[in-house]
Amino acid sequence: MGRYSGFIAMYATLASRDVDCCLIPESPFFLDGSGGIFEFVKKRLREEGHMVIVIAEGAGQELLAAENSNAGSEQDASGNKLLQDVGLWISHKIRDHFEKKLKMPITLKYIDPTYMIRAVPSNASDNVYCTILAQSCVHGAMAGYTGFTSGIVNGRQTYLPFNRITEKQNNVVITDRMWARLLASTNQPSFLSTKRQHSQSQLLDGDDNESEITGKQNTSTA
């Protein structure tokens, strides 16, 4: 899960507090070299003797596409882009790097949760919420509405048009506070290349300068 956004991986990492590294589609990473995945894994294994990596389904697809020319062109039965198994791929890469290149034997276990999240038994709160959703959809249909779904907005049950829900993709903002909380929890680096780090720092500096200018304008106006 997490084809195009890493919300599930991010919140699962924050909730667990046992994860050492979280990889999501919104935050590109690289394997070899200074600041890469291999370097961080080696450092953490030497410090702790073990580590846990959580990776979203859509993370690192550009790296797989660089190795496989057919990656990204295939589609599943529903017409969605067929993603490569990044979890299995990065497992092989880490194992080969440590055992063949560094001559450092490791024990690596790859767990693919597939739909384990959806298979978790519902609790009382889930049952009540789903009942309200179902009742709201029935009431909306009997009132003559079509092309809608039901959901809670600002604490109120609402009817939401399909086009408003699907008009854009909701992504994790890696300059936001929640991702910063994750980085503080895992102590992982950003895994951004020097060029990306420079452009991102310019973006943040631009926001700070804009805030400073706005603050001066507000002060002078007041």
C-alpha atoms as a PDB file:
ATOM      1  CA  MET A   1       0.000   0.000   0.000  1.00  0.00           C
ATOM      2  CA  GLY A   2       1.104   3.570  -0.546  1.00  0.00           C
ATOM      3  CA  ARG A   3       1.280   3.628  -4.341  1.00  0.00           C
ATOM      4  CA  TYR A   4       1.644   7.373  -4.752  1.00  0.00           C
ATOM      5  CA  SER A   5       1.691   8.769  -1.215  1.00  0.00           C
ATOM      6  CA  GLY A   6       3.291   7.615   2.007  1.00  0.00           C
ATOM      7  CA  PHE A   7       0.719   8.503   4.654  1.00  0.00           C
ATOM      8  CA  ILE A   8       0.236   4.924   5.871  1.00  0.00           C
ATOM      9  CA  ALA A   9       3.980   4.291   6.090  1.00  0.00           C
ATOM     10  CA  MET A  10       4.575   7.627   7.816  1.00  0.00           C
ATOM     11  CA  TYR A  11       1.862   7.247  10.452  1.00  0.00           C
ATOM     12  CA  ALA A  12       2.698   3.576  11.040  1.00  0.00           C
ATOM     13  CA  THR A  13       6.306   4.602  11.655  1.00  0.00           C
ATOM     14  CA  LEU A  14       5.310   7.340  14.079  1.00  0.00           C
ATOM     15  CA  ALA A  15       2.903   5.028  15.901  1.00  0.00           C
ATOM     16  CA  SER A  16       5.421   2.201  16.193  1.00  0.00           C
ATOM     17  CA  ARG A  17       8.484   4.166  17.371  1.00  0.00           C
ATOM     18  CA  ASP A  18      10.545   1.032  16.649  1.00  0.00           C
ATOM     19  CA  VAL A  19      11.290   1.964  13.027  1.00  0.00           C
ATOM     20  CA  ASP A  20      14.766   3.143  12.063  1.00  0.00           C
ATOM     21  CA  CYS A  21      14.059   4.228   8.491  1.00  0.00           C
ATOM     22  CA  CYS A  22      10.909   5.120   6.542  1.00  0.00           C
ATOM     23  CA  LEU A  23      10.921   5.462   2.750  1.00  0.00           C
ATOM     24  CA  ILE A  24       7.989   7.030   0.890  1.00  0.00           C
ATOM     25  CA  PRO A  25       7.347   8.126  -2.728  1.00  0.00           C
ATOM     26  CA  GLU A  26       7.441  11.835  -1.862  1.00  0.00           C
ATOM     27  CA  SER A  27      10.992  11.649  -0.515  1.00  0.00           C
ATOM     28  CA  PRO A  28      13.460  10.349  -3.145  1.00  0.00           C
ATOM     29  CA  PHE A  29      16.437   8.355  -1.944  1.00  0.00           C
ATOM     30  CA  PHE A  30      19.550   6.707  -3.309  1.00  0.00           C
ATOM     31  CA  LEU A  31      21.419   3.608  -2.231  1.00  0.00           C
ATOM     32  CA  ASP A  32      25.177   3.975  -2.629  1.00  0.00           C
ATOM     33  CA  GLY A  33      27.478   6.817  -1.700  1.00  0.00           C
ATOM     34  CA  SER A  34      27.666   9.361   1.081  1.00  0.00           C
ATOM     35  CA  GLY A  35      24.281  10.011   2.664  1.00  0.00           C
ATOM     36  CA  GLY A  36      22.689   6.993   0.991  1.00  0.00           C
ATOM     37  CA  ILE A  37      20.702   4.067   2.309  1.00  0.00           C
ATOM     38  CA  PHE A  38      23.663   1.684   2.488  1.00  0.00           C
ATOM     39  CA  GLU A  39      25.714   4.093   4.581  1.00  0.00           C
ATOM     40  CA  PHE A  40      22.862   4.664   7.023  1.00  0.00           C
ATOM     41  CA  VAL A  41      22.092   0.944   7.345  1.00  0.00           C
ATOM     42  CA  LYS A  42      25.752   0.200   8.046  1.00  0.00           C
ATOM     43  CA  LYS A  43      25.924   2.944  10.677  1.00  0.00           C
ATOM     44  CA  ARG A  44      22.741   1.817  12.420  1.00  0.00           C
ATOM     45  CA  LEU A  45      23.734  -1.865  12.417  1.00  0.00           C
ATOM     46  CA  ARG A  46      27.073  -1.039  14.010  1.00  0.00           C
ATOM     47  CA  GLU A  47      25.406   1.127  16.651  1.00  0.00           C
ATOM     48  CA  GLU A  48      22.332  -0.956  17.481  1.00  0.00           C
ATOM     49  CA  GLY A  49      22.973  -4.361  15.942  1.00  0.00           C
ATOM     50  CA  HIS A  50      19.595  -4.309  14.195  1.00  0.00           C
ATOM     51  CA  MET A  51      17.240  -1.993  12.326  1.00  0.00           C
ATOM     52  CA  VAL A  52      13.711  -1.847  10.912  1.00  0.00           C
ATOM     53  CA  ILE A  53      12.926  -0.295   7.526  1.00  0.00           C
ATOM     54  CA  VAL A  54       9.389   0.616   6.461  1.00  0.00           C
ATOM     55  CA  ILE A  55       8.937   1.276   2.760  1.00  0.00           C
ATOM     56  CA  ALA A  56       5.800   2.351   0.910  1.00  0.00           C
ATOM     57  CA  GLU A  57       4.799   0.518  -2.244  1.00  0.00           C
ATOM     58  CA  GLY A  58       5.495   3.469  -4.530  1.00  0.00           C
ATOM     59  CA  ALA A  59       8.856   4.461  -3.064  1.00  0.00           C
ATOM     60  CA  GLY A  60      11.986   4.133  -5.186  1.00  0.00           C
ATOM     61  CA  GLN A  61      10.140   3.304  -8.400  1.00  0.00           C
ATOM     62  CA  GLU A  62      12.446   5.601 -10.372  1.00  0.00           C
ATOM     63  CA  LEU A  63      15.412   3.496  -9.237  1.00  0.00           C
ATOM     64  CA  LEU A  64      13.751   0.311 -10.441  1.00  0.00           C
ATOM     65  CA  ALA A  65      12.814   1.995 -13.720  1.00  0.00           C
ATOM     66  CA  ALA A  66      16.474   2.882 -14.265  1.00  0.00           C
ATOM     67  CA  GLU A  67      17.370  -0.817 -14.043  1.00  0.00           C
ATOM     68  CA  ASN A  68      14.354  -2.180 -15.904  1.00  0.00           C
ATOM     69  CA  SER A  69      13.302  -0.479 -19.131  1.00  0.00           C
ATOM     70  CA  ASN A  70       9.867  -2.125 -19.002  1.00  0.00           C
ATOM     71  CA  ALA A  71       9.120  -0.791 -15.520  1.00  0.00           C
ATOM     72  CA  GLY A  72       6.385   1.827 -15.491  1.00  0.00           C
ATOM     73  CA  SER A  73       4.865   0.901 -18.855  1.00  0.00           C
ATOM     74  CA  GLU A  74       2.813  -2.063 -17.671  1.00  0.00           C
ATOM     75  CA  GLN A  75      -0.693  -1.830 -16.220  1.00  0.00           C
ATOM     76  CA  ASP A  76      -2.764  -4.078 -14.000  1.00  0.00           C
ATOM     77  CA  ALA A  77      -6.278  -5.374 -14.721  1.00  0.00           C
ATOM     78  CA  SER A  78      -7.810  -2.133 -13.419  1.00  0.00           C
ATOM     79  CA  GLY A  79      -5.704   0.050 -15.701  1.00  0.00           C
ATOM     80  CA  ASN A  80      -3.468   1.317 -12.919  1.00  0.00           C
ATOM     81  CA  LYS A  81       0.272   1.600 -13.315  1.00  0.00           C
ATOM     82  CA  LEU A  82       1.853  -1.711 -12.363  1.00  0.00           C
ATOM     83  CA  LEU A  83       4.461  -0.943  -9.735  1.00  0.00           C
ATOM     84  CA  GLN A  84       7.540  -3.064  -9.200  1.00  0.00           C
ATOM     85  CA  ASP A  85       8.104  -4.836  -5.883  1.00  0.00           C
ATOM     86  CA  VAL A  86      10.391  -2.275  -4.274  1.00  0.00           C
ATOM     87  CA  GLY A  87      10.494  -4.134  -0.962  1.00  0.00           C
ATOM     88  CA  LEU A  88      11.913  -7.284  -2.498  1.00  0.00           C
ATOM     89  CA  TRP A  89      14.255  -5.240  -4.696  1.00  0.00           C
ATOM     90  CA  ILE A  90      15.770  -3.213  -1.861  1.00  0.00           C
ATOM     91  CA  SER A  91      16.088  -6.362   0.262  1.00  0.00           C
ATOM     92  CA  HIS A  92      18.242  -7.988  -2.419  1.00  0.00           C
ATOM     93  CA  LYS A  93      20.258  -4.799  -2.858  1.00  0.00           C
ATOM     94  CA  ILE A  94      21.027  -4.495   0.858  1.00  0.00           C
ATOM     95  CA  ARG A  95      21.888  -8.175   1.194  1.00  0.00           C
ATOM     96  CA  ASP A  96      24.195  -8.143  -1.842  1.00  0.00           C
ATOM     97  CA  HIS A  97      25.905  -4.937  -0.728  1.00  0.00           C
ATOM     98  CA  PHE A  98      26.740  -6.180   2.756  1.00  0.00           C
ATOM     99  CA  GLU A  99      27.516  -9.809   1.998  1.00  0.00           C
ATOM    100  CA  LYS A 100      29.313  -9.464  -1.337  1.00  0.00           C
ATOM    101  CA  LYS A 101      30.853  -6.000  -1.250  1.00  0.00           C
ATOM    102  CA  LEU A 102      31.491  -5.415   2.454  1.00  0.00           C
ATOM    103  CA  LYS A 103      31.866  -9.103   3.372  1.00  0.00           C
ATOM    104  CA  MET A 104      29.614  -8.374   6.339  1.00  0.00           C
ATOM    105  CA  PRO A 105      27.089 -11.189   6.897  1.00  0.00           C
ATOM    106  CA  ILE A 106      23.633 -10.014   7.942  1.00  0.00           C
ATOM    107  CA  THR A 107      20.291 -11.640   8.664  1.00  0.00           C
ATOM    108  CA  LEU A 108      17.590  -9.912   6.652  1.00  0.00           C
ATOM    109  CA  LYS A 109      13.872 -10.623   6.951  1.00  0.00           C
ATOM    110  CA  TYR A 110      11.432  -9.162   4.444  1.00  0.00           C
ATOM    111  CA  ILE A 111       7.799  -8.955   5.561  1.00  0.00           C
ATOM    112  CA  ASP A 112       5.219  -7.971   2.948  1.00  0.00           C
ATOM    113  CA  PRO A 113       2.079  -6.854   4.822  1.00  0.00           C
ATOM    114  CA  THR A 114      -0.054  -6.821   1.625  1.00  0.00           C
ATOM    115  CA  TYR A 115      -3.566  -6.278   3.010  1.00  0.00           C
ATOM    116  CA  MET A 116      -2.864  -7.013   6.670  1.00  0.00           C
ATOM    117  CA  ILE A 117      -3.879  -3.447   7.540  1.00  0.00           C
ATOM    118  CA  ARG A 118      -7.333  -3.896   6.043  1.00  0.00           C
ATOM    119  CA  ALA A 119      -7.661  -7.293   7.703  1.00  0.00           C
ATOM    120  CA  VAL A 120      -7.395  -5.878  11.233  1.00  0.00           C
ATOM    121  CA  PRO A 121     -10.635  -6.593  13.148  1.00  0.00           C
ATOM    122  CA  SER A 122     -12.856  -3.553  13.580  1.00  0.00           C
ATOM    123  CA  ASN A 123     -13.520  -2.103  17.016  1.00  0.00           C
ATOM    124  CA  ALA A 124     -16.681  -0.484  18.368  1.00  0.00           C
ATOM    125  CA  SER A 125     -15.743   2.953  17.036  1.00  0.00           C
ATOM    126  CA  ASP A 126     -15.154   1.524  13.552  1.00  0.00           C
ATOM    127  CA  ASN A 127     -18.533  -0.217  13.585  1.00  0.00           C
ATOM    128  CA  VAL A 128     -20.394   2.931  14.619  1.00  0.00           C
ATOM    129  CA  TYR A 129     -18.596   5.045  12.016  1.00  0.00           C
ATOM    130  CA  CYS A 130     -19.292   2.567   9.197  1.00  0.00           C
ATOM    131  CA  THR A 131     -22.945   2.369  10.222  1.00  0.00           C
ATOM    132  CA  ILE A 132     -23.256   6.156  10.019  1.00  0.00           C
ATOM    133  CA  LEU A 133     -21.573   6.179   6.604  1.00  0.00           C
ATOM    134  CA  ALA A 134     -23.917   3.506   5.271  1.00  0.00           C
ATOM    135  CA  GLN A 135     -27.020   5.220   6.617  1.00  0.00           C
ATOM    136  CA  SER A 136     -25.929   8.569   5.184  1.00  0.00           C
ATOM    137  CA  CYS A 137     -25.363   7.052   1.739  1.00  0.00           C
ATOM    138  CA  VAL A 138     -28.815   5.458   1.782  1.00  0.00           C
ATOM    139  CA  HIS A 139     -30.454   8.721   2.850  1.00  0.00           C
ATOM    140  CA  GLY A 140     -28.603  10.592   0.106  1.00  0.00           C
ATOM    141  CA  ALA A 141     -29.638   8.088  -2.565  1.00  0.00           C
ATOM    142  CA  MET A 142     -33.270   8.177  -1.448  1.00  0.00           C
ATOM    143  CA  ALA A 143     -33.122  11.976  -1.596  1.00  0.00           C
ATOM    144  CA  GLY A 144     -32.165  11.713  -5.280  1.00  0.00           C
ATOM    145  CA  TYR A 145     -28.444  12.460  -5.095  1.00  0.00           C
ATOM    146  CA  THR A 146     -26.011  10.622  -7.378  1.00  0.00           C
ATOM    147  CA  GLY A 147     -22.245  10.639  -7.878  1.00  0.00           C
ATOM    148  CA  PHE A 148     -21.446  11.239  -4.218  1.00  0.00           C
ATOM    149  CA  THR A 149     -20.023   9.602  -1.147  1.00  0.00           C
ATOM    150  CA  SER A 150     -20.487  10.268   2.535  1.00  0.00           C
ATOM    151  CA  GLY A 151     -17.873  11.547   4.932  1.00  0.00           C
ATOM    152  CA  ILE A 152     -17.214  13.726   7.951  1.00  0.00           C
ATOM    153  CA  VAL A 153     -16.067  17.311   7.373  1.00  0.00           C
ATOM    154  CA  ASN A 154     -15.415  19.536  10.383  1.00  0.00           C
ATOM    155  CA  GLY A 155     -17.250  17.081  12.602  1.00  0.00           C
ATOM    156  CA  ARG A 156     -20.414  16.997  10.486  1.00  0.00           C
ATOM    157  CA  GLN A 157     -21.693  14.219   8.243  1.00  0.00           C
ATOM    158  CA  THR A 158     -21.685  15.452   4.642  1.00  0.00           C
ATOM    159  CA  TYR A 159     -22.288  14.402   1.037  1.00  0.00           C
ATOM    160  CA  LEU A 160     -19.127  14.747  -1.050  1.00  0.00           C
ATOM    161  CA  PRO A 161     -19.200  14.770  -4.885  1.00  0.00           C
ATOM    162  CA  PHE A 162     -16.880  12.266  -6.526  1.00  0.00           C
ATOM    163  CA  ASN A 163     -15.209  14.936  -8.666  1.00  0.00           C
ATOM    164  CA  ARG A 164     -14.141  16.913  -5.590  1.00  0.00           C
ATOM    165  CA  ILE A 165     -12.572  13.825  -4.042  1.00  0.00           C
ATOM    166  CA  THR A 166     -10.662  12.717  -7.134  1.00  0.00           C
ATOM    167  CA  GLU A 167      -9.617  16.120  -8.488  1.00  0.00           C
ATOM    168  CA  LYS A 168      -6.142  15.958  -6.930  1.00  0.00           C
ATOM    169  CA  GLN A 169      -3.732  13.587  -5.217  1.00  0.00           C
ATOM    170  CA  ASN A 170      -3.088  14.088  -1.517  1.00  0.00           C
ATOM    171  CA  ASN A 171       0.637  13.748  -0.844  1.00  0.00           C
ATOM    172  CA  VAL A 172       2.929  13.937   2.153  1.00  0.00           C
ATOM    173  CA  VAL A 173       4.680  17.309   2.315  1.00  0.00           C
ATOM    174  CA  ILE A 174       8.261  16.553   3.311  1.00  0.00           C
ATOM    175  CA  THR A 175       8.825  20.158   4.406  1.00  0.00           C
ATOM    176  CA  ASP A 176       5.882  19.894   6.790  1.00  0.00           C
ATOM    177  CA  ARG A 177       6.010  19.347  10.539  1.00  0.00           C
ATOM    178  CA  MET A 178       4.691  15.771  10.484  1.00  0.00           C
ATOM    179  CA  TRP A 179       7.551  14.548   8.306  1.00  0.00           C
ATOM    180  CA  ALA A 180       9.951  16.451  10.556  1.00  0.00           C
ATOM    181  CA  ARG A 181       8.503  14.526  13.500  1.00  0.00           C
ATOM    182  CA  LEU A 182       9.225  11.282  11.671  1.00  0.00           C
ATOM    183  CA  LEU A 183      12.827  12.279  10.949  1.00  0.00           C
ATOM    184  CA  ALA A 184      13.261  13.140  14.616  1.00  0.00           C
ATOM    185  CA  SER A 185      11.759   9.781  15.610  1.00  0.00           C
ATOM    186  CA  THR A 186      13.876   7.622  13.304  1.00  0.00           C
ATOM    187  CA  ASN A 187      16.997   9.821  13.244  1.00  0.00           C
ATOM    188  CA  GLN A 188      17.303   9.039   9.554  1.00  0.00           C
ATOM    189  CA  PRO A 189      18.883  11.493   7.110  1.00  0.00           C
ATOM    190  CA  SER A 190      16.838  13.081   4.353  1.00  0.00           C
ATOM    191  CA  PHE A 191      18.563  10.882   1.702  1.00  0.00           C
ATOM    192  CA  LEU A 192      18.414  13.836  -0.678  1.00  0.00           C
ATOM    193  CA  SER A 193      21.277  14.418  -3.068  1.00  0.00           C
ATOM    194  CA  THR A 194      23.363  17.567  -2.678  1.00  0.00           C
ATOM    195  CA  LYS A 195      21.518  19.225  -5.560  1.00  0.00           C
ATOM    196  CA  ARG A 196      18.108  18.412  -4.073  1.00  0.00           C
ATOM    197  CA  GLN A 197      19.195  19.582  -0.621  1.00  0.00           C
ATOM    198  CA  HIS A 198      20.384  22.890  -2.087  1.00  0.00           C
ATOM    199  CA  SER A 199      17.127  23.473  -3.968  1.00  0.00           C
ATOM    200  CA  GLN A 200      15.064  22.535  -0.920  1.00  0.00           C
ATOM    201  CA  SER A 201      17.073  24.846   1.347  1.00  0.00           C
ATOM    202  CA  GLN A 202      16.521  27.644  -1.157  1.00  0.00           C
ATOM    203  CA  LEU A 203      12.791  26.935  -1.018  1.00  0.00           C
ATOM    204  CA  LEU A 204      12.776  27.076   2.772  1.00  0.00           C
ATOM    205  CA  ASP A 205      14.937  30.217   2.787  1.00  0.00           C
ATOM    206  CA  GLY A 206      12.530  31.787   0.335  1.00  0.00           C
ATOM    207  CA  ASP A 207       9.620  31.033   2.659  1.00  0.00           C
ATOM    208  CA  ASP A 208      11.501  32.546   5.595  1.00  0.00           C
ATOM    209  CA  ASN A 209      12.356  35.671   3.622  1.00  0.00           C
ATOM    210  CA  GLU A 210       8.767  36.009   2.479  1.00  0.00           C
ATOM    211  CA  SER A 211       7.555  35.677   6.064  1.00  0.00           C
ATOM    212  CA  GLU A 212      10.103  38.261   7.182  1.00  0.00           C
ATOM    213  CA  ILE A 213       9.031  40.699   4.466  1.00  0.00           C
ATOM    214  CA  THR A 214       5.375  40.117   5.281  1.00  0.00           C
ATOM    215  CA  GLY A 215       6.103  40.695   8.949  1.00  0.00           C
ATOM    216  CA  LYS A 216       7.850  43.978   8.169  1.00  0.00           C
ATOM    217  CA  GLN A 217       4.956  45.074   5.987  1.00  0.00           C
ATOM    218  CA  ASN A 218       2.466  44.221   8.702  1.00  0.00           C
ATOM    219  CA  THR A 219       4.553  46.081  11.253  1.00  0.00           C
ATOM    220  CA  SER A 220       4.828  49.171   9.112  1.00  0.00           C
ATOM    221  CA  THR A 221       1.131  49.077   8.328  1.00  0.00           C
ATOM    222  CA  ALA A 222       0.235  48.771  11.990  1.00  0.00           C
END
